[in-house]
Amino acid sequence: MSFKENIDNVSARIYDFIKDKPEVTSWQIKLALNISSSIMFLALGVLMQNGKITVDPDGINYKITKTPQQQ
């Protein structure tokens, strides 16, 4: 699997994890999916770029929510 394919795969896993939740933290995603912080943030960037999520600072973590058109 190429690096880009890995990021795309993790993006899909993250989106699947958050689909039924109003909001989650980056820490919850990292623990639930057992992924490294670096790949998680790259995947979150892809989801943000595609307009699927918003990411907001929340203390030492980030709060992730689906964008309104995705809910």
PDB file of N, CA and C in Angstrom:
ATOM      1  N   MET A   1       0.856  -1.175   0.000  1.00  0.00           N
ATOM      2  CA  MET A   1       0.000   0.000   0.000  1.00  0.00           C
ATOM      3  C   MET A   1       0.903   1.240   0.000  1.00  0.00           C
ATOM      4  N   SER A   2       0.610   2.169  -0.903  1.00  0.00           N
ATOM      5  CA  SER A   2       1.401   3.398  -0.970  1.00  0.00           C
ATOM      6  C   SER A   2       1.053   4.319   0.212  1.00  0.00           C
ATOM      7  N   PHE A   3       1.885   5.312   0.416  1.00  0.00           N
ATOM      8  CA  PHE A   3       1.669   6.266   1.506  1.00  0.00           C
ATOM      9  C   PHE A   3       0.343   6.990   1.324  1.00  0.00           C
ATOM     10  N   LYS A   4       0.053   7.442   0.089  1.00  0.00           N
ATOM     11  CA  LYS A   4      -1.203   8.137  -0.177  1.00  0.00           C
ATOM     12  C   LYS A   4      -2.389   7.206   0.040  1.00  0.00           C
ATOM     13  N   GLU A   5      -2.281   5.973  -0.378  1.00  0.00           N
ATOM     14  CA  GLU A   5      -3.364   5.006  -0.154  1.00  0.00           C
ATOM     15  C   GLU A   5      -3.594   4.795   1.338  1.00  0.00           C
ATOM     16  N   ASN A   6      -2.516   4.785   2.114  1.00  0.00           N
ATOM     17  CA  ASN A   6      -2.635   4.635   3.561  1.00  0.00           C
ATOM     18  C   ASN A   6      -3.381   5.829   4.159  1.00  0.00           C
ATOM     19  N   ILE A   7      -3.035   7.031   3.734  1.00  0.00           N
ATOM     20  CA  ILE A   7      -3.721   8.224   4.229  1.00  0.00           C
ATOM     21  C   ILE A   7      -5.194   8.194   3.841  1.00  0.00           C
ATOM     22  N   ASP A   8      -5.485   7.826   2.600  1.00  0.00           N
ATOM     23  CA  ASP A   8      -6.878   7.733   2.154  1.00  0.00           C
ATOM     24  C   ASP A   8      -7.649   6.689   2.958  1.00  0.00           C
ATOM     25  N   ASN A   9      -6.998   5.572   3.246  1.00  0.00           N
ATOM     26  CA  ASN A   9      -7.629   4.507   4.030  1.00  0.00           C
ATOM     27  C   ASN A   9      -7.931   4.984   5.444  1.00  0.00           C
ATOM     28  N   VAL A  10      -6.984   5.662   6.066  1.00  0.00           N
ATOM     29  CA  VAL A  10      -7.187   6.178   7.423  1.00  0.00           C
ATOM     30  C   VAL A  10      -8.261   7.269   7.413  1.00  0.00           C
ATOM     31  N   SER A  11      -8.289   8.095   6.380  1.00  0.00           N
ATOM     32  CA  SER A  11      -9.343   9.115   6.259  1.00  0.00           C
ATOM     33  C   SER A  11     -10.719   8.463   6.263  1.00  0.00           C
ATOM     34  N   ALA A  12     -10.860   7.402   5.493  1.00  0.00           N
ATOM     35  CA  ALA A  12     -12.139   6.691   5.436  1.00  0.00           C
ATOM     36  C   ALA A  12     -12.486   6.075   6.789  1.00  0.00           C
ATOM     37  N   ARG A  13     -11.494   5.515   7.464  1.00  0.00           N
ATOM     38  CA  ARG A  13     -11.730   4.930   8.789  1.00  0.00           C
ATOM     39  C   ARG A  13     -12.160   5.990   9.788  1.00  0.00           C
ATOM     40  N   ILE A  14     -11.507   7.154   9.748  1.00  0.00           N
ATOM     41  CA  ILE A  14     -11.872   8.255  10.659  1.00  0.00           C
ATOM     42  C   ILE A  14     -13.296   8.701  10.372  1.00  0.00           C
ATOM     43  N   TYR A  15     -13.615   8.912   9.109  1.00  0.00           N
ATOM     44  CA  TYR A  15     -14.954   9.386   8.762  1.00  0.00           C
ATOM     45  C   TYR A  15     -16.008   8.366   9.185  1.00  0.00           C
ATOM     46  N   ASP A  16     -15.726   7.093   9.008  1.00  0.00           N
ATOM     47  CA  ASP A  16     -16.652   6.043   9.442  1.00  0.00           C
ATOM     48  C   ASP A  16     -16.826   6.084  10.967  1.00  0.00           C
ATOM     49  N   PHE A  17     -15.744   6.342  11.696  1.00  0.00           N
ATOM     50  CA  PHE A  17     -15.792   6.403  13.158  1.00  0.00           C
ATOM     51  C   PHE A  17     -16.645   7.572  13.639  1.00  0.00           C
ATOM     52  N   ILE A  18     -16.566   8.719  12.968  1.00  0.00           N
ATOM     53  CA  ILE A  18     -17.278   9.906  13.448  1.00  0.00           C
ATOM     54  C   ILE A  18     -18.687  10.044  12.891  1.00  0.00           C
ATOM     55  N   LYS A  19     -19.069   9.206  11.943  1.00  0.00           N
ATOM     56  CA  LYS A  19     -20.328   9.429  11.219  1.00  0.00           C
ATOM     57  C   LYS A  19     -21.566   9.483  12.108  1.00  0.00           C
ATOM     58  N   ASP A  20     -21.598   8.767  13.210  1.00  0.00           N
ATOM     59  CA  ASP A  20     -22.778   8.754  14.079  1.00  0.00           C
ATOM     60  C   ASP A  20     -22.575   9.544  15.371  1.00  0.00           C
ATOM     61  N   LYS A  21     -21.517  10.345  15.423  1.00  0.00           N
ATOM     62  CA  LYS A  21     -21.218  11.101  16.637  1.00  0.00           C
ATOM     63  C   LYS A  21     -21.311  12.598  16.347  1.00  0.00           C
ATOM     64  N   PRO A  22     -21.859  13.378  17.273  1.00  0.00           N
ATOM     65  CA  PRO A  22     -21.953  14.821  17.037  1.00  0.00           C
ATOM     66  C   PRO A  22     -20.581  15.493  16.976  1.00  0.00           C
ATOM     67  N   GLU A  23     -19.660  15.046  17.817  1.00  0.00           N
ATOM     68  CA  GLU A  23     -18.286  15.535  17.779  1.00  0.00           C
ATOM     69  C   GLU A  23     -17.397  14.563  18.535  1.00  0.00           C
ATOM     70  N   VAL A  24     -16.135  14.546  18.167  1.00  0.00           N
ATOM     71  CA  VAL A  24     -15.140  13.711  18.832  1.00  0.00           C
ATOM     72  C   VAL A  24     -13.861  14.523  18.970  1.00  0.00           C
ATOM     73  N   THR A  25     -12.959  14.037  19.806  1.00  0.00           N
ATOM     74  CA  THR A  25     -11.659  14.693  19.927  1.00  0.00           C
ATOM     75  C   THR A  25     -10.619  13.894  19.144  1.00  0.00           C
ATOM     76  N   SER A  26      -9.528  14.573  18.835  1.00  0.00           N
ATOM     77  CA  SER A  26      -8.438  13.890  18.144  1.00  0.00           C
ATOM     78  C   SER A  26      -7.915  12.726  18.997  1.00  0.00           C
ATOM     79  N   TRP A  27      -7.914  12.889  20.288  1.00  0.00           N
ATOM     80  CA  TRP A  27      -7.448  11.821  21.185  1.00  0.00           C
ATOM     81  C   TRP A  27      -8.357  10.591  21.090  1.00  0.00           C
ATOM     82  N   GLN A  28      -9.670  10.807  21.039  1.00  0.00           N
ATOM     83  CA  GLN A  28     -10.604   9.687  20.906  1.00  0.00           C
ATOM     84  C   GLN A  28     -10.364   8.930  19.604  1.00  0.00           C
ATOM     85  N   ILE A  29     -10.131   9.663  18.530  1.00  0.00           N
ATOM     86  CA  ILE A  29      -9.870   9.028  17.233  1.00  0.00           C
ATOM     87  C   ILE A  29      -8.591   8.204  17.300  1.00  0.00           C
ATOM     88  N   LYS A  30      -7.537   8.811  17.827  1.00  0.00           N
ATOM     89  CA  LYS A  30      -6.241   8.136  17.909  1.00  0.00           C
ATOM     90  C   LYS A  30      -6.337   6.828  18.685  1.00  0.00           C
ATOM     91  N   LEU A  31      -7.005   6.865  19.825  1.00  0.00           N
ATOM     92  CA  LEU A  31      -7.126   5.655  20.644  1.00  0.00           C
ATOM     93  C   LEU A  31      -8.047   4.617  20.012  1.00  0.00           C
ATOM     94  N   ALA A  32      -9.183   5.058  19.498  1.00  0.00           N
ATOM     95  CA  ALA A  32     -10.161   4.116  18.945  1.00  0.00           C
ATOM     96  C   ALA A  32      -9.636   3.394  17.707  1.00  0.00           C
ATOM     97  N   LEU A  33      -8.879   4.108  16.884  1.00  0.00           N
ATOM     98  CA  LEU A  33      -8.404   3.514  15.637  1.00  0.00           C
ATOM     99  C   LEU A  33      -6.975   2.983  15.723  1.00  0.00           C
ATOM    100  N   ASN A  34      -6.323   3.225  16.873  1.00  0.00           N
ATOM    101  CA  ASN A  34      -4.961   2.751  17.098  1.00  0.00           C
ATOM    102  C   ASN A  34      -4.028   3.184  15.962  1.00  0.00           C
ATOM    103  N   ILE A  35      -3.983   4.504  15.724  1.00  0.00           N
ATOM    104  CA  ILE A  35      -3.151   5.060  14.659  1.00  0.00           C
ATOM    105  C   ILE A  35      -2.183   6.079  15.241  1.00  0.00           C
ATOM    106  N   SER A  36      -1.110   6.350  14.503  1.00  0.00           N
ATOM    107  CA  SER A  36      -0.144   7.348  14.969  1.00  0.00           C
ATOM    108  C   SER A  36      -0.732   8.748  14.809  1.00  0.00           C
ATOM    109  N   SER A  37      -0.214   9.668  15.594  1.00  0.00           N
ATOM    110  CA  SER A  37      -0.675  11.050  15.511  1.00  0.00           C
ATOM    111  C   SER A  37      -0.403  11.632  14.129  1.00  0.00           C
ATOM    112  N   SER A  38       0.760  11.335  13.575  1.00  0.00           N
ATOM    113  CA  SER A  38       1.119  11.942  12.286  1.00  0.00           C
ATOM    114  C   SER A  38       0.176  11.491  11.178  1.00  0.00           C
ATOM    115  N   ILE A  39      -0.132  10.210  11.095  1.00  0.00           N
ATOM    116  CA  ILE A  39      -1.040   9.745  10.036  1.00  0.00           C
ATOM    117  C   ILE A  39      -2.455  10.250  10.302  1.00  0.00           C
ATOM    118  N   MET A  40      -2.837  10.356  11.568  1.00  0.00           N
ATOM    119  CA  MET A  40      -4.158  10.869  11.897  1.00  0.00           C
ATOM    120  C   MET A  40      -4.302  12.307  11.425  1.00  0.00           C
ATOM    121  N   PHE A  41      -3.307  13.144  11.702  1.00  0.00           N
ATOM    122  CA  PHE A  41      -3.417  14.546  11.310  1.00  0.00           C
ATOM    123  C   PHE A  41      -3.348  14.720   9.797  1.00  0.00           C
ATOM    124  N   LEU A  42      -2.588  13.895   9.110  1.00  0.00           N
ATOM    125  CA  LEU A  42      -2.598  13.944   7.646  1.00  0.00           C
ATOM    126  C   LEU A  42      -3.989  13.576   7.113  1.00  0.00           C
ATOM    127  N   ALA A  43      -4.578  12.532   7.686  1.00  0.00           N
ATOM    128  CA  ALA A  43      -5.913  12.095   7.257  1.00  0.00           C
ATOM    129  C   ALA A  43      -6.969  13.145   7.596  1.00  0.00           C
ATOM    130  N   LEU A  44      -6.860  13.779   8.761  1.00  0.00           N
ATOM    131  CA  LEU A  44      -7.796  14.846   9.111  1.00  0.00           C
ATOM    132  C   LEU A  44      -7.668  16.008   8.128  1.00  0.00           C
ATOM    133  N   GLY A  45      -6.443  16.288   7.697  1.00  0.00           N
ATOM    134  CA  GLY A  45      -6.231  17.332   6.708  1.00  0.00           C
ATOM    135  C   GLY A  45      -6.925  17.028   5.396  1.00  0.00           C
ATOM    136  N   VAL A  46      -6.894  15.775   4.987  1.00  0.00           N
ATOM    137  CA  VAL A  46      -7.588  15.362   3.759  1.00  0.00           C
ATOM    138  C   VAL A  46      -9.092  15.569   3.922  1.00  0.00           C
ATOM    139  N   LEU A  47      -9.634  15.157   5.061  1.00  0.00           N
ATOM    140  CA  LEU A  47     -11.070  15.324   5.297  1.00  0.00           C
ATOM    141  C   LEU A  47     -11.461  16.794   5.349  1.00  0.00           C
ATOM    142  N   MET A  48     -10.604  17.621   5.940  1.00  0.00           N
ATOM    143  CA  MET A  48     -10.865  19.067   5.967  1.00  0.00           C
ATOM    144  C   MET A  48     -10.831  19.637   4.551  1.00  0.00           C
ATOM    145  N   GLN A  49      -9.828  19.258   3.790  1.00  0.00           N
ATOM    146  CA  GLN A  49      -9.674  19.756   2.423  1.00  0.00           C
ATOM    147  C   GLN A  49     -10.881  19.381   1.561  1.00  0.00           C
ATOM    148  N   ASN A  50     -11.453  18.221   1.822  1.00  0.00           N
ATOM    149  CA  ASN A  50     -12.619  17.751   1.070  1.00  0.00           C
ATOM    150  C   ASN A  50     -13.929  18.304   1.619  1.00  0.00           C
ATOM    151  N   GLY A  51     -13.846  19.139   2.656  1.00  0.00           N
ATOM    152  CA  GLY A  51     -15.037  19.775   3.212  1.00  0.00           C
ATOM    153  C   GLY A  51     -15.932  18.859   4.025  1.00  0.00           C
ATOM    154  N   LYS A  52     -15.385  17.739   4.505  1.00  0.00           N
ATOM    155  CA  LYS A  52     -16.197  16.780   5.249  1.00  0.00           C
ATOM    156  C   LYS A  52     -16.222  17.049   6.748  1.00  0.00           C
ATOM    157  N   ILE A  53     -15.183  17.703   7.267  1.00  0.00           N
ATOM    158  CA  ILE A  53     -15.092  17.954   8.712  1.00  0.00           C
ATOM    159  C   ILE A  53     -14.572  19.357   8.975  1.00  0.00           C
ATOM    160  N   THR A  54     -14.766  19.784  10.223  1.00  0.00           N
ATOM    161  CA  THR A  54     -14.081  20.964  10.732  1.00  0.00           C
ATOM    162  C   THR A  54     -13.246  20.523  11.926  1.00  0.00           C
ATOM    163  N   VAL A  55     -12.148  21.203  12.138  1.00  0.00           N
ATOM    164  CA  VAL A  55     -11.255  20.892  13.249  1.00  0.00           C
ATOM    165  C   VAL A  55     -11.017  22.186  14.018  1.00  0.00           C
ATOM    166  N   ASP A  56     -11.301  22.149  15.317  1.00  0.00           N
ATOM    167  CA  ASP A  56     -11.126  23.325  16.165  1.00  0.00           C
ATOM    168  C   ASP A  56     -10.277  22.970  17.376  1.00  0.00           C
ATOM    169  N   PRO A  57      -9.370  23.873  17.781  1.00  0.00           N
ATOM    170  CA  PRO A  57      -8.565  23.624  18.974  1.00  0.00           C
ATOM    171  C   PRO A  57      -9.458  23.437  20.201  1.00  0.00           C
ATOM    172  N   ASP A  58      -9.062  22.519  21.064  1.00  0.00           N
ATOM    173  CA  ASP A  58      -9.802  22.232  22.293  1.00  0.00           C
ATOM    174  C   ASP A  58      -8.791  21.821  23.358  1.00  0.00           C
ATOM    175  N   GLY A  59      -8.161  22.804  23.970  1.00  0.00           N
ATOM    176  CA  GLY A  59      -7.110  22.503  24.952  1.00  0.00           C
ATOM    177  C   GLY A  59      -5.914  21.892  24.239  1.00  0.00           C
ATOM    178  N   ILE A  60      -5.462  20.736  24.707  1.00  0.00           N
ATOM    179  CA  ILE A  60      -4.322  20.074  24.063  1.00  0.00           C
ATOM    180  C   ILE A  60      -4.768  19.165  22.914  1.00  0.00           C
ATOM    181  N   ASN A  61      -6.061  19.031  22.719  1.00  0.00           N
ATOM    182  CA  ASN A  61      -6.610  18.210  21.642  1.00  0.00           C
ATOM    183  C   ASN A  61      -7.278  19.090  20.609  1.00  0.00           C
ATOM    184  N   TYR A  62      -7.931  18.452  19.668  1.00  0.00           N
ATOM    185  CA  TYR A  62      -8.736  19.136  18.667  1.00  0.00           C
ATOM    186  C   TYR A  62     -10.120  18.517  18.655  1.00  0.00           C
ATOM    187  N   LYS A  63     -11.120  19.349  18.443  1.00  0.00           N
ATOM    188  CA  LYS A  63     -12.508  18.888  18.362  1.00  0.00           C
ATOM    189  C   LYS A  63     -12.852  18.732  16.877  1.00  0.00           C
ATOM    190  N   ILE A  64     -13.327  17.559  16.521  1.00  0.00           N
ATOM    191  CA  ILE A  64     -13.654  17.270  15.131  1.00  0.00           C
ATOM    192  C   ILE A  64     -15.165  17.100  15.006  1.00  0.00           C
ATOM    193  N   THR A  65     -15.751  17.839  14.067  1.00  0.00           N
ATOM    194  CA  THR A  65     -17.183  17.713  13.784  1.00  0.00           C
ATOM    195  C   THR A  65     -17.369  17.603  12.280  1.00  0.00           C
ATOM    196  N   LYS A  66     -18.436  16.914  11.895  1.00  0.00           N
ATOM    197  CA  LYS A  66     -18.774  16.846  10.474  1.00  0.00           C
ATOM    198  C   LYS A  66     -19.305  18.209  10.052  1.00  0.00           C
ATOM    199  N   THR A  67     -19.028  18.590   8.819  1.00  0.00           N
ATOM    200  CA  THR A  67     -19.570  19.849   8.317  1.00  0.00           C
ATOM    201  C   THR A  67     -21.069  19.700   8.143  1.00  0.00           C
ATOM    202  N   PRO A  68     -21.827  20.792   8.201  1.00  0.00           N
ATOM    203  CA  PRO A  68     -23.289  20.703   8.147  1.00  0.00           C
ATOM    204  C   PRO A  68     -23.828  19.891   6.961  1.00  0.00           C
ATOM    205  N   GLN A  69     -23.259  20.055   5.779  1.00  0.00           N
ATOM    206  CA  GLN A  69     -23.773  19.307   4.632  1.00  0.00           C
ATOM    207  C   GLN A  69     -23.471  17.812   4.728  1.00  0.00           C
ATOM    208  N   GLN A  70     -22.573  17.416   5.643  1.00  0.00           N
ATOM    209  CA  GLN A  70     -22.210  16.009   5.798  1.00  0.00           C
ATOM    210  C   GLN A  70     -23.018  15.315   6.903  1.00  0.00           C
ATOM    211  N   GLN A  71     -23.774  16.094   7.685  1.00  0.00           N
ATOM    212  CA  GLN A  71     -24.481  15.501   8.839  1.00  0.00           C
ATOM    213  C   GLN A  71     -25.784  14.874   8.473  1.00  0.00           C
TER     214      GLN A  71
END
